[in-house]
Amino acid sequence: MSYKTVISQLQVQAMAKVILPVLLLVICHSSTHLLADHPIAARWVPPGAARQFVDAHNSARAEVGVDPLKWSYSLANAASRLVRYQKNYMHCEFADMTGQLQYGSNQMWSDYSAKPPREVVEYWVNSGKKHYRYTHNYCVRNQNCGPYKQVVWEKTEMVGCAQGVCGNNNGSLSICFYYPHPGNLGGQRPY
């Protein structure tokens, strides 16, 4: 092997060590940015729906004195993928979230076309808030306060949601993901 060949190979290797990480960073940033802002990526959230989801959550959070949430396109995309999966492969049934601790989650199935996002969140809040007893941190027997607790979970900072209509407008599924700190943790108060 000639001296020039060795030097040339070393130069290529040195350039690859610098260029490859930069190139990967640019590709990852671009694909994340494109997915987050692409209108089809979260197609299950119609225009204005994100604002309605966030405003309804933040209204409930303000009532108990916790910080407002921010919209997350990443969480919305994850919720959108799950809604599509449930719609296409699971007959639009509730998703099984057992053991899923990466995000907090709420779901709602309705037997007619999609409810407006504000109504979805208000349902979670109203159905749980009236049964939750903060002073003793428990839910009235045979009631479900989990969705309410997730909405007002103090450590949560971001929310992303999606909705899908099932079949011929014979039902709809709404899912929200929350990050960080999944709510509804046993024995812990939400705020």
C-alpha atoms as a PDB file:
ATOM      1  CA  MET A   1       0.000   0.000   0.000  1.00  0.00           C
ATOM      2  CA  SER A   2       1.432   3.347  -0.966  1.00  0.00           C
ATOM      3  CA  TYR A   3       1.933   6.283   1.345  1.00  0.00           C
ATOM      4  CA  LYS A   4      -0.646   8.331  -0.589  1.00  0.00           C
ATOM      5  CA  THR A   5      -3.238   5.553  -0.275  1.00  0.00           C
ATOM      6  CA  VAL A   6      -2.725   5.294   3.489  1.00  0.00           C
ATOM      7  CA  ILE A   7      -2.960   9.083   3.921  1.00  0.00           C
ATOM      8  CA  SER A   8      -6.049   9.171   1.721  1.00  0.00           C
ATOM      9  CA  GLN A   9      -7.727   6.421   3.759  1.00  0.00           C
ATOM     10  CA  LEU A  10      -6.871   8.175   7.023  1.00  0.00           C
ATOM     11  CA  GLN A  11      -8.314  11.431   5.697  1.00  0.00           C
ATOM     12  CA  VAL A  12     -11.522   9.668   4.655  1.00  0.00           C
ATOM     13  CA  GLN A  13     -11.796   8.006   8.066  1.00  0.00           C
ATOM     14  CA  ALA A  14     -11.221  11.321   9.863  1.00  0.00           C
ATOM     15  CA  MET A  15     -13.802  13.072   7.700  1.00  0.00           C
ATOM     16  CA  ALA A  16     -16.276  10.230   8.264  1.00  0.00           C
ATOM     17  CA  LYS A  17     -15.875  10.590  12.025  1.00  0.00           C
ATOM     18  CA  VAL A  18     -16.864  14.251  11.761  1.00  0.00           C
ATOM     19  CA  ILE A  19     -19.351  14.187   8.908  1.00  0.00           C
ATOM     20  CA  LEU A  20     -21.299  11.049   9.839  1.00  0.00           C
ATOM     21  CA  PRO A  21     -22.496  12.267  13.280  1.00  0.00           C
ATOM     22  CA  VAL A  22     -23.396  15.672  11.830  1.00  0.00           C
ATOM     23  CA  LEU A  23     -25.233  14.047   8.935  1.00  0.00           C
ATOM     24  CA  LEU A  24     -27.145  11.731  11.289  1.00  0.00           C
ATOM     25  CA  LEU A  25     -28.069  14.676  13.496  1.00  0.00           C
ATOM     26  CA  VAL A  26     -29.373  16.627  10.496  1.00  0.00           C
ATOM     27  CA  ILE A  27     -31.376  13.637   9.235  1.00  0.00           C
ATOM     28  CA  CYS A  28     -32.889  12.922  12.660  1.00  0.00           C
ATOM     29  CA  HIS A  29     -33.755  16.568  13.242  1.00  0.00           C
ATOM     30  CA  SER A  30     -35.249  16.946   9.775  1.00  0.00           C
ATOM     31  CA  SER A  31     -37.344  13.793   9.956  1.00  0.00           C
ATOM     32  CA  THR A  32     -38.621  14.654  13.429  1.00  0.00           C
ATOM     33  CA  HIS A  33     -39.401  18.200  12.351  1.00  0.00           C
ATOM     34  CA  LEU A  34     -41.117  17.054   9.172  1.00  0.00           C
ATOM     35  CA  LEU A  35     -43.175  14.435  10.994  1.00  0.00           C
ATOM     36  CA  ALA A  36     -44.143  16.835  13.730  1.00  0.00           C
ATOM     37  CA  ASP A  37     -45.323  19.549  11.369  1.00  0.00           C
ATOM     38  CA  HIS A  38     -46.659  17.470   8.515  1.00  0.00           C
ATOM     39  CA  PRO A  39     -50.467  17.736   8.394  1.00  0.00           C
ATOM     40  CA  ILE A  40     -50.917  14.058   7.563  1.00  0.00           C
ATOM     41  CA  ALA A  41     -48.747  12.829  10.449  1.00  0.00           C
ATOM     42  CA  ALA A  42     -51.469  13.603  12.973  1.00  0.00           C
ATOM     43  CA  ARG A  43     -54.370  13.362  10.581  1.00  0.00           C
ATOM     44  CA  TRP A  44     -56.741  12.233  13.320  1.00  0.00           C
ATOM     45  CA  VAL A  45     -56.586  15.677  14.904  1.00  0.00           C
ATOM     46  CA  PRO A  46     -58.521  18.106  12.704  1.00  0.00           C
ATOM     47  CA  PRO A  47     -57.542  21.795  12.565  1.00  0.00           C
ATOM     48  CA  GLY A  48     -58.203  23.533  15.854  1.00  0.00           C
ATOM     49  CA  ALA A  49     -58.582  20.251  17.725  1.00  0.00           C
ATOM     50  CA  ALA A  50     -55.139  20.499  19.322  1.00  0.00           C
ATOM     51  CA  ARG A  51     -56.019  23.882  20.802  1.00  0.00           C
ATOM     52  CA  GLN A  52     -59.355  22.518  22.088  1.00  0.00           C
ATOM     53  CA  PHE A  53     -57.653  19.542  23.744  1.00  0.00           C
ATOM     54  CA  VAL A  54     -55.017  21.763  25.394  1.00  0.00           C
ATOM     55  CA  ASP A  55     -57.481  24.451  26.498  1.00  0.00           C
ATOM     56  CA  ALA A  56     -59.848  21.915  28.066  1.00  0.00           C
ATOM     57  CA  HIS A  57     -56.984  20.239  29.932  1.00  0.00           C
ATOM     58  CA  ASN A  58     -55.607  23.567  31.108  1.00  0.00           C
ATOM     59  CA  SER A  59     -59.007  24.745  32.297  1.00  0.00           C
ATOM     60  CA  ALA A  60     -59.285  21.702  34.584  1.00  0.00           C
ATOM     61  CA  ARG A  61     -55.680  22.116  35.711  1.00  0.00           C
ATOM     62  CA  ALA A  62     -56.204  25.790  36.554  1.00  0.00           C
ATOM     63  CA  GLU A  63     -59.099  24.818  38.846  1.00  0.00           C
ATOM     64  CA  VAL A  64     -56.691  22.852  41.050  1.00  0.00           C
ATOM     65  CA  GLY A  65     -53.731  25.215  40.700  1.00  0.00           C
ATOM     66  CA  VAL A  66     -51.316  23.181  38.564  1.00  0.00           C
ATOM     67  CA  ASP A  67     -49.265  24.442  35.619  1.00  0.00           C
ATOM     68  CA  PRO A  68     -50.739  24.362  32.111  1.00  0.00           C
ATOM     69  CA  LEU A  69     -49.815  21.698  29.567  1.00  0.00           C
ATOM     70  CA  LYS A  70     -48.150  22.243  26.206  1.00  0.00           C
ATOM     71  CA  TRP A  71     -49.117  20.428  23.005  1.00  0.00           C
ATOM     72  CA  SER A  72     -46.681  17.727  21.880  1.00  0.00           C
ATOM     73  CA  TYR A  73     -46.661  16.741  18.215  1.00  0.00           C
ATOM     74  CA  SER A  74     -44.675  13.625  19.134  1.00  0.00           C
ATOM     75  CA  LEU A  75     -47.351  12.495  21.590  1.00  0.00           C
ATOM     76  CA  ALA A  76     -50.085  13.396  19.084  1.00  0.00           C
ATOM     77  CA  ASN A  77     -48.337  11.290  16.437  1.00  0.00           C
ATOM     78  CA  ALA A  78     -48.044   8.359  18.853  1.00  0.00           C
ATOM     79  CA  ALA A  79     -51.737   8.705  19.752  1.00  0.00           C
ATOM     80  CA  SER A  80     -52.614   8.930  16.057  1.00  0.00           C
ATOM     81  CA  ARG A  81     -50.723   5.713  15.289  1.00  0.00           C
ATOM     82  CA  LEU A  82     -52.512   3.931  18.130  1.00  0.00           C
ATOM     83  CA  VAL A  83     -55.935   5.219  17.058  1.00  0.00           C
ATOM     84  CA  ARG A  84     -55.260   4.046  13.486  1.00  0.00           C
ATOM     85  CA  TYR A  85     -54.129   0.634  14.746  1.00  0.00           C
ATOM     86  CA  GLN A  86     -57.203   0.233  16.954  1.00  0.00           C
ATOM     87  CA  LYS A  87     -59.439   1.363  14.106  1.00  0.00           C
ATOM     88  CA  ASN A  88     -57.867  -0.838  11.424  1.00  0.00           C
ATOM     89  CA  TYR A  89     -57.079  -3.993  13.384  1.00  0.00           C
ATOM     90  CA  MET A  90     -59.026  -3.993  16.645  1.00  0.00           C
ATOM     91  CA  HIS A  91     -62.513  -2.875  15.531  1.00  0.00           C
ATOM     92  CA  CYS A  92     -61.972   0.469  17.257  1.00  0.00           C
ATOM     93  CA  GLU A  93     -61.922  -1.085  20.734  1.00  0.00           C
ATOM     94  CA  PHE A  94     -60.093   0.484  23.658  1.00  0.00           C
ATOM     95  CA  ALA A  95     -56.339   0.034  23.466  1.00  0.00           C
ATOM     96  CA  ASP A  96     -54.795  -2.224  26.091  1.00  0.00           C
ATOM     97  CA  MET A  97     -52.474   0.074  28.032  1.00  0.00           C
ATOM     98  CA  THR A  98     -51.560  -2.530  30.661  1.00  0.00           C
ATOM     99  CA  GLY A  99     -47.891  -2.265  31.519  1.00  0.00           C
ATOM    100  CA  GLN A 100     -47.383   0.792  29.301  1.00  0.00           C
ATOM    101  CA  LEU A 101     -45.498   3.225  31.521  1.00  0.00           C
ATOM    102  CA  GLN A 102     -43.787   5.405  28.931  1.00  0.00           C
ATOM    103  CA  TYR A 103     -46.714   7.815  28.774  1.00  0.00           C
ATOM    104  CA  GLY A 104     -49.803   8.480  30.789  1.00  0.00           C
ATOM    105  CA  SER A 105     -52.953   7.920  28.740  1.00  0.00           C
ATOM    106  CA  ASN A 106     -56.682   8.506  28.557  1.00  0.00           C
ATOM    107  CA  GLN A 107     -59.161   7.018  26.103  1.00  0.00           C
ATOM    108  CA  MET A 108     -62.776   7.564  25.240  1.00  0.00           C
ATOM    109  CA  TRP A 109     -65.011   5.603  22.918  1.00  0.00           C
ATOM    110  CA  SER A 110     -68.305   7.085  21.836  1.00  0.00           C
ATOM    111  CA  ASP A 111     -71.037   5.334  19.904  1.00  0.00           C
ATOM    112  CA  TYR A 112     -71.467   8.076  17.344  1.00  0.00           C
ATOM    113  CA  SER A 113     -69.141  10.303  15.355  1.00  0.00           C
ATOM    114  CA  ALA A 114     -66.276  11.976  17.179  1.00  0.00           C
ATOM    115  CA  LYS A 115     -67.121  14.284  20.043  1.00  0.00           C
ATOM    116  CA  PRO A 116     -65.454  17.689  19.986  1.00  0.00           C
ATOM    117  CA  PRO A 117     -62.129  17.542  21.873  1.00  0.00           C
ATOM    118  CA  ARG A 118     -63.377  19.858  24.616  1.00  0.00           C
ATOM    119  CA  GLU A 119     -66.287  17.486  25.345  1.00  0.00           C
ATOM    120  CA  VAL A 120     -63.940  14.489  25.497  1.00  0.00           C
ATOM    121  CA  VAL A 121     -61.744  16.146  28.132  1.00  0.00           C
ATOM    122  CA  GLU A 122     -64.746  17.523  30.023  1.00  0.00           C
ATOM    123  CA  TYR A 123     -66.168  13.997  30.191  1.00  0.00           C
ATOM    124  CA  TRP A 124     -62.930  12.698  31.748  1.00  0.00           C
ATOM    125  CA  VAL A 125     -62.871  15.595  34.193  1.00  0.00           C
ATOM    126  CA  ASN A 126     -66.549  15.632  35.171  1.00  0.00           C
ATOM    127  CA  SER A 127     -66.937  11.868  35.495  1.00  0.00           C
ATOM    128  CA  GLY A 128     -63.905  11.600  37.775  1.00  0.00           C
ATOM    129  CA  LYS A 129     -63.828  14.858  39.713  1.00  0.00           C
ATOM    130  CA  LYS A 130     -67.187  14.308  41.391  1.00  0.00           C
ATOM    131  CA  HIS A 131     -66.036  10.926  42.727  1.00  0.00           C
ATOM    132  CA  TYR A 132     -62.463  11.810  43.737  1.00  0.00           C
ATOM    133  CA  ARG A 133     -61.799  12.677  47.382  1.00  0.00           C
ATOM    134  CA  TYR A 134     -58.545  14.624  47.542  1.00  0.00           C
ATOM    135  CA  THR A 135     -58.258  14.776  51.346  1.00  0.00           C
ATOM    136  CA  HIS A 136     -58.092  10.989  51.582  1.00  0.00           C
ATOM    137  CA  ASN A 137     -56.801  10.416  48.033  1.00  0.00           C
ATOM    138  CA  TYR A 138     -59.403   7.874  47.010  1.00  0.00           C
ATOM    139  CA  CYS A 139     -62.164   7.385  44.498  1.00  0.00           C
ATOM    140  CA  VAL A 140     -65.709   6.549  45.541  1.00  0.00           C
ATOM    141  CA  ARG A 141     -66.305   2.798  45.356  1.00  0.00           C
ATOM    142  CA  ASN A 142     -67.148   1.416  41.896  1.00  0.00           C
ATOM    143  CA  GLN A 143     -66.241   4.702  40.202  1.00  0.00           C
ATOM    144  CA  ASN A 144     -63.321   5.563  37.944  1.00  0.00           C
ATOM    145  CA  CYS A 145     -61.336   8.682  38.800  1.00  0.00           C
ATOM    146  CA  GLY A 146     -58.223   7.709  36.838  1.00  0.00           C
ATOM    147  CA  PRO A 147     -58.879   9.824  33.728  1.00  0.00           C
ATOM    148  CA  TYR A 148     -59.542  12.908  35.865  1.00  0.00           C
ATOM    149  CA  LYS A 149     -56.379  12.344  37.899  1.00  0.00           C
ATOM    150  CA  GLN A 150     -54.382  11.992  34.683  1.00  0.00           C
ATOM    151  CA  VAL A 151     -55.740  15.295  33.316  1.00  0.00           C
ATOM    152  CA  VAL A 152     -54.705  17.199  36.466  1.00  0.00           C
ATOM    153  CA  TRP A 153     -51.501  15.229  37.246  1.00  0.00           C
ATOM    154  CA  GLU A 154     -49.146  17.961  38.467  1.00  0.00           C
ATOM    155  CA  LYS A 155     -45.898  16.541  37.082  1.00  0.00           C
ATOM    156  CA  THR A 156     -47.256  16.203  33.550  1.00  0.00           C
ATOM    157  CA  GLU A 157     -46.006  18.887  31.163  1.00  0.00           C
ATOM    158  CA  MET A 158     -47.164  17.835  27.682  1.00  0.00           C
ATOM    159  CA  VAL A 159     -50.206  16.299  26.023  1.00  0.00           C
ATOM    160  CA  GLY A 160     -50.882  14.977  22.533  1.00  0.00           C
ATOM    161  CA  CYS A 161     -54.193  13.544  21.367  1.00  0.00           C
ATOM    162  CA  ALA A 162     -55.842  11.967  18.346  1.00  0.00           C
ATOM    163  CA  GLN A 163     -59.329  10.927  17.302  1.00  0.00           C
ATOM    164  CA  GLY A 164     -60.634   8.480  14.738  1.00  0.00           C
ATOM    165  CA  VAL A 165     -64.082   7.708  13.396  1.00  0.00           C
ATOM    166  CA  CYS A 166     -64.812   3.995  13.256  1.00  0.00           C
ATOM    167  CA  GLY A 167     -66.600   2.407  10.331  1.00  0.00           C
ATOM    168  CA  ASN A 168     -69.554   4.276   8.894  1.00  0.00           C
ATOM    169  CA  ASN A 169     -69.756   6.909  11.649  1.00  0.00           C
ATOM    170  CA  ASN A 170     -70.865   4.223  14.078  1.00  0.00           C
ATOM    171  CA  GLY A 171     -68.394   5.231  16.743  1.00  0.00           C
ATOM    172  CA  SER A 172     -65.210   7.089  17.484  1.00  0.00           C
ATOM    173  CA  LEU A 173     -62.099   6.639  19.584  1.00  0.00           C
ATOM    174  CA  SER A 174     -60.189   9.489  21.252  1.00  0.00           C
ATOM    175  CA  ILE A 175     -56.787   8.925  22.879  1.00  0.00           C
ATOM    176  CA  CYS A 176     -54.503  11.360  24.701  1.00  0.00           C
ATOM    177  CA  PHE A 177     -50.933  10.667  25.805  1.00  0.00           C
ATOM    178  CA  TYR A 178     -49.224  12.572  28.619  1.00  0.00           C
ATOM    179  CA  TYR A 179     -45.542  13.108  29.390  1.00  0.00           C
ATOM    180  CA  PRO A 180     -43.596  12.980  31.632  1.00  0.00           C
ATOM    181  CA  HIS A 181     -44.739  11.085  34.668  1.00  0.00           C
ATOM    182  CA  PRO A 182     -47.731   8.927  33.869  1.00  0.00           C
ATOM    183  CA  GLY A 183     -50.555   9.827  36.225  1.00  0.00           C
ATOM    184  CA  ASN A 184     -52.854   7.490  38.107  1.00  0.00           C
ATOM    185  CA  LEU A 185     -49.960   6.083  40.119  1.00  0.00           C
ATOM    186  CA  GLY A 186     -51.322   4.157  43.066  1.00  0.00           C
ATOM    187  CA  GLY A 187     -51.131   5.907  46.401  1.00  0.00           C
ATOM    188  CA  GLN A 188     -50.021   9.252  44.956  1.00  0.00           C
ATOM    189  CA  ARG A 189     -52.073  12.423  44.860  1.00  0.00           C
ATOM    190  CA  PRO A 190     -52.325  14.043  41.442  1.00  0.00           C
ATOM    191  CA  TYR A 191     -51.386  17.504  42.809  1.00  0.00           C
END
